[in-house]
Amino acid sequence: MIILLYGEINMYIEKLRDYQKEIFDLQHCINVIGWDLRISCPKDEKDEVIKLIGSLEDKLFKLQTSSEYGNILKNAILFYSIENIF
């Protein structure tokens, strides 16, 4: 039973890491593109870059507030807490 439980713990922790990496990567892209917009973006392309940043920020918001992320967090915390009991 404990071995199966340990496997479940690792699965939820790994899902959490993957999801948080996706969020981090998206935040990094937004920051880099935002820097480019401020520093070196040609004036005639600024509107397109602003739309791109808006689209990426919308995706980031959806990732951070999704019920899937909430479930992943809840399960990771629950199983991590159970692991510390044993």
C-alpha atoms as a PDB file:
ATOM      1  CA  MET A   1       0.000   0.000   0.000  1.00  0.00           C
ATOM      2  CA  ILE A   2       2.771   2.471   0.919  1.00  0.00           C
ATOM      3  CA  ILE A   3       4.653   1.765  -2.343  1.00  0.00           C
ATOM      4  CA  LEU A   4       1.531   2.490  -4.378  1.00  0.00           C
ATOM      5  CA  LEU A   5       0.941   5.622  -2.312  1.00  0.00           C
ATOM      6  CA  TYR A   6       4.551   6.730  -2.841  1.00  0.00           C
ATOM      7  CA  GLY A   7       4.067   6.302  -6.605  1.00  0.00           C
ATOM      8  CA  GLU A   8       0.949   8.460  -6.446  1.00  0.00           C
ATOM      9  CA  ILE A   9       2.831  11.123  -4.479  1.00  0.00           C
ATOM     10  CA  ASN A  10       5.543  11.266  -7.116  1.00  0.00           C
ATOM     11  CA  MET A  11       2.940  11.451  -9.892  1.00  0.00           C
ATOM     12  CA  TYR A  12       1.164  14.449  -8.331  1.00  0.00           C
ATOM     13  CA  ILE A  13       4.409  16.227  -7.479  1.00  0.00           C
ATOM     14  CA  GLU A  14       5.655  15.666 -11.034  1.00  0.00           C
ATOM     15  CA  LYS A  15       2.378  17.007 -12.480  1.00  0.00           C
ATOM     16  CA  LEU A  16       2.731  20.074 -10.274  1.00  0.00           C
ATOM     17  CA  ARG A  17       6.323  20.637 -11.410  1.00  0.00           C
ATOM     18  CA  ASP A  18       5.337  20.302 -15.080  1.00  0.00           C
ATOM     19  CA  TYR A  19       2.414  22.699 -14.705  1.00  0.00           C
ATOM     20  CA  GLN A  20       4.518  25.250 -12.823  1.00  0.00           C
ATOM     21  CA  LYS A  21       7.266  24.985 -15.446  1.00  0.00           C
ATOM     22  CA  GLU A  22       4.719  25.797 -18.145  1.00  0.00           C
ATOM     23  CA  ILE A  23       3.624  28.859 -16.135  1.00  0.00           C
ATOM     24  CA  PHE A  24       7.233  29.934 -15.558  1.00  0.00           C
ATOM     25  CA  ASP A  25       8.140  29.500 -19.233  1.00  0.00           C
ATOM     26  CA  LEU A  26       5.149  31.573 -20.316  1.00  0.00           C
ATOM     27  CA  GLN A  27       6.016  34.314 -17.810  1.00  0.00           C
ATOM     28  CA  HIS A  28       9.573  34.336 -19.129  1.00  0.00           C
ATOM     29  CA  CYS A  29       8.367  34.706 -22.733  1.00  0.00           C
ATOM     30  CA  ILE A  30       6.090  37.595 -21.736  1.00  0.00           C
ATOM     31  CA  ASN A  31       8.998  39.317 -19.979  1.00  0.00           C
ATOM     32  CA  VAL A  32      11.386  38.892 -22.913  1.00  0.00           C
ATOM     33  CA  ILE A  33       8.837  40.087 -25.464  1.00  0.00           C
ATOM     34  CA  GLY A  34       7.912  43.000 -23.168  1.00  0.00           C
ATOM     35  CA  TRP A  35      11.575  43.956 -22.916  1.00  0.00           C
ATOM     36  CA  ASP A  36      11.880  43.810 -26.698  1.00  0.00           C
ATOM     37  CA  LEU A  37       8.786  46.004 -27.031  1.00  0.00           C
ATOM     38  CA  ARG A  38      10.314  48.664 -24.783  1.00  0.00           C
ATOM     39  CA  ILE A  39      13.873  48.504 -26.108  1.00  0.00           C
ATOM     40  CA  SER A  40      14.060  47.587 -29.767  1.00  0.00           C
ATOM     41  CA  CYS A  41      10.677  46.929 -31.326  1.00  0.00           C
ATOM     42  CA  PRO A  42      10.085  48.906 -34.535  1.00  0.00           C
ATOM     43  CA  LYS A  43       7.208  51.384 -34.222  1.00  0.00           C
ATOM     44  CA  ASP A  44       5.227  49.781 -37.030  1.00  0.00           C
ATOM     45  CA  GLU A  45       5.256  46.423 -35.205  1.00  0.00           C
ATOM     46  CA  LYS A  46       4.351  47.620 -31.707  1.00  0.00           C
ATOM     47  CA  ASP A  47       0.612  47.012 -32.106  1.00  0.00           C
ATOM     48  CA  GLU A  48       1.200  43.390 -33.124  1.00  0.00           C
ATOM     49  CA  VAL A  49       3.632  42.807 -30.275  1.00  0.00           C
ATOM     50  CA  ILE A  50       1.165  44.328 -27.790  1.00  0.00           C
ATOM     51  CA  LYS A  51      -1.537  41.952 -29.074  1.00  0.00           C
ATOM     52  CA  LEU A  52       0.874  39.025 -28.714  1.00  0.00           C
ATOM     53  CA  ILE A  53       1.705  39.981 -25.128  1.00  0.00           C
ATOM     54  CA  GLY A  54      -2.007  40.330 -24.368  1.00  0.00           C
ATOM     55  CA  SER A  55      -2.713  36.907 -25.801  1.00  0.00           C
ATOM     56  CA  LEU A  56       0.106  35.310 -23.797  1.00  0.00           C
ATOM     57  CA  GLU A  57      -1.016  37.065 -20.607  1.00  0.00           C
ATOM     58  CA  ASP A  58      -4.554  35.785 -21.190  1.00  0.00           C
ATOM     59  CA  LYS A  59      -3.215  32.239 -21.520  1.00  0.00           C
ATOM     60  CA  LEU A  60      -1.109  32.719 -18.383  1.00  0.00           C
ATOM     61  CA  PHE A  61      -4.119  33.942 -16.408  1.00  0.00           C
ATOM     62  CA  LYS A  62      -6.161  30.932 -17.552  1.00  0.00           C
ATOM     63  CA  LEU A  63      -3.376  28.542 -16.540  1.00  0.00           C
ATOM     64  CA  GLN A  64      -2.974  30.150 -13.112  1.00  0.00           C
ATOM     65  CA  THR A  65      -6.703  30.188 -12.349  1.00  0.00           C
ATOM     66  CA  SER A  66      -7.816  26.916 -13.908  1.00  0.00           C
ATOM     67  CA  SER A  67      -9.595  24.259 -11.903  1.00  0.00           C
ATOM     68  CA  GLU A  68      -7.042  21.766 -13.253  1.00  0.00           C
ATOM     69  CA  TYR A  69      -4.233  23.711 -11.543  1.00  0.00           C
ATOM     70  CA  GLY A  70      -6.284  23.873  -8.349  1.00  0.00           C
ATOM     71  CA  ASN A  71      -6.784  20.109  -8.413  1.00  0.00           C
ATOM     72  CA  ILE A  72      -3.112  19.467  -9.100  1.00  0.00           C
ATOM     73  CA  LEU A  73      -2.132  21.725  -6.188  1.00  0.00           C
ATOM     74  CA  LYS A  74      -4.704  20.170  -3.868  1.00  0.00           C
ATOM     75  CA  ASN A  75      -3.605  16.617  -4.681  1.00  0.00           C
ATOM     76  CA  ALA A  76       0.088  17.428  -4.439  1.00  0.00           C
ATOM     77  CA  ILE A  77      -0.406  19.054  -1.031  1.00  0.00           C
ATOM     78  CA  LEU A  78      -2.641  16.220   0.182  1.00  0.00           C
ATOM     79  CA  PHE A  79      -0.303  13.436  -0.902  1.00  0.00           C
ATOM     80  CA  TYR A  80       2.790  15.322   0.225  1.00  0.00           C
ATOM     81  CA  SER A  81       1.203  15.728   3.673  1.00  0.00           C
ATOM     82  CA  ILE A  82       0.378  12.023   3.790  1.00  0.00           C
ATOM     83  CA  GLU A  83       3.959  11.179   2.831  1.00  0.00           C
ATOM     84  CA  ASN A  84       5.267  13.186   5.807  1.00  0.00           C
ATOM     85  CA  ILE A  85       2.997  11.236   8.168  1.00  0.00           C
ATOM     86  CA  PHE A  86       4.694   7.946   7.239  1.00  0.00           C
END
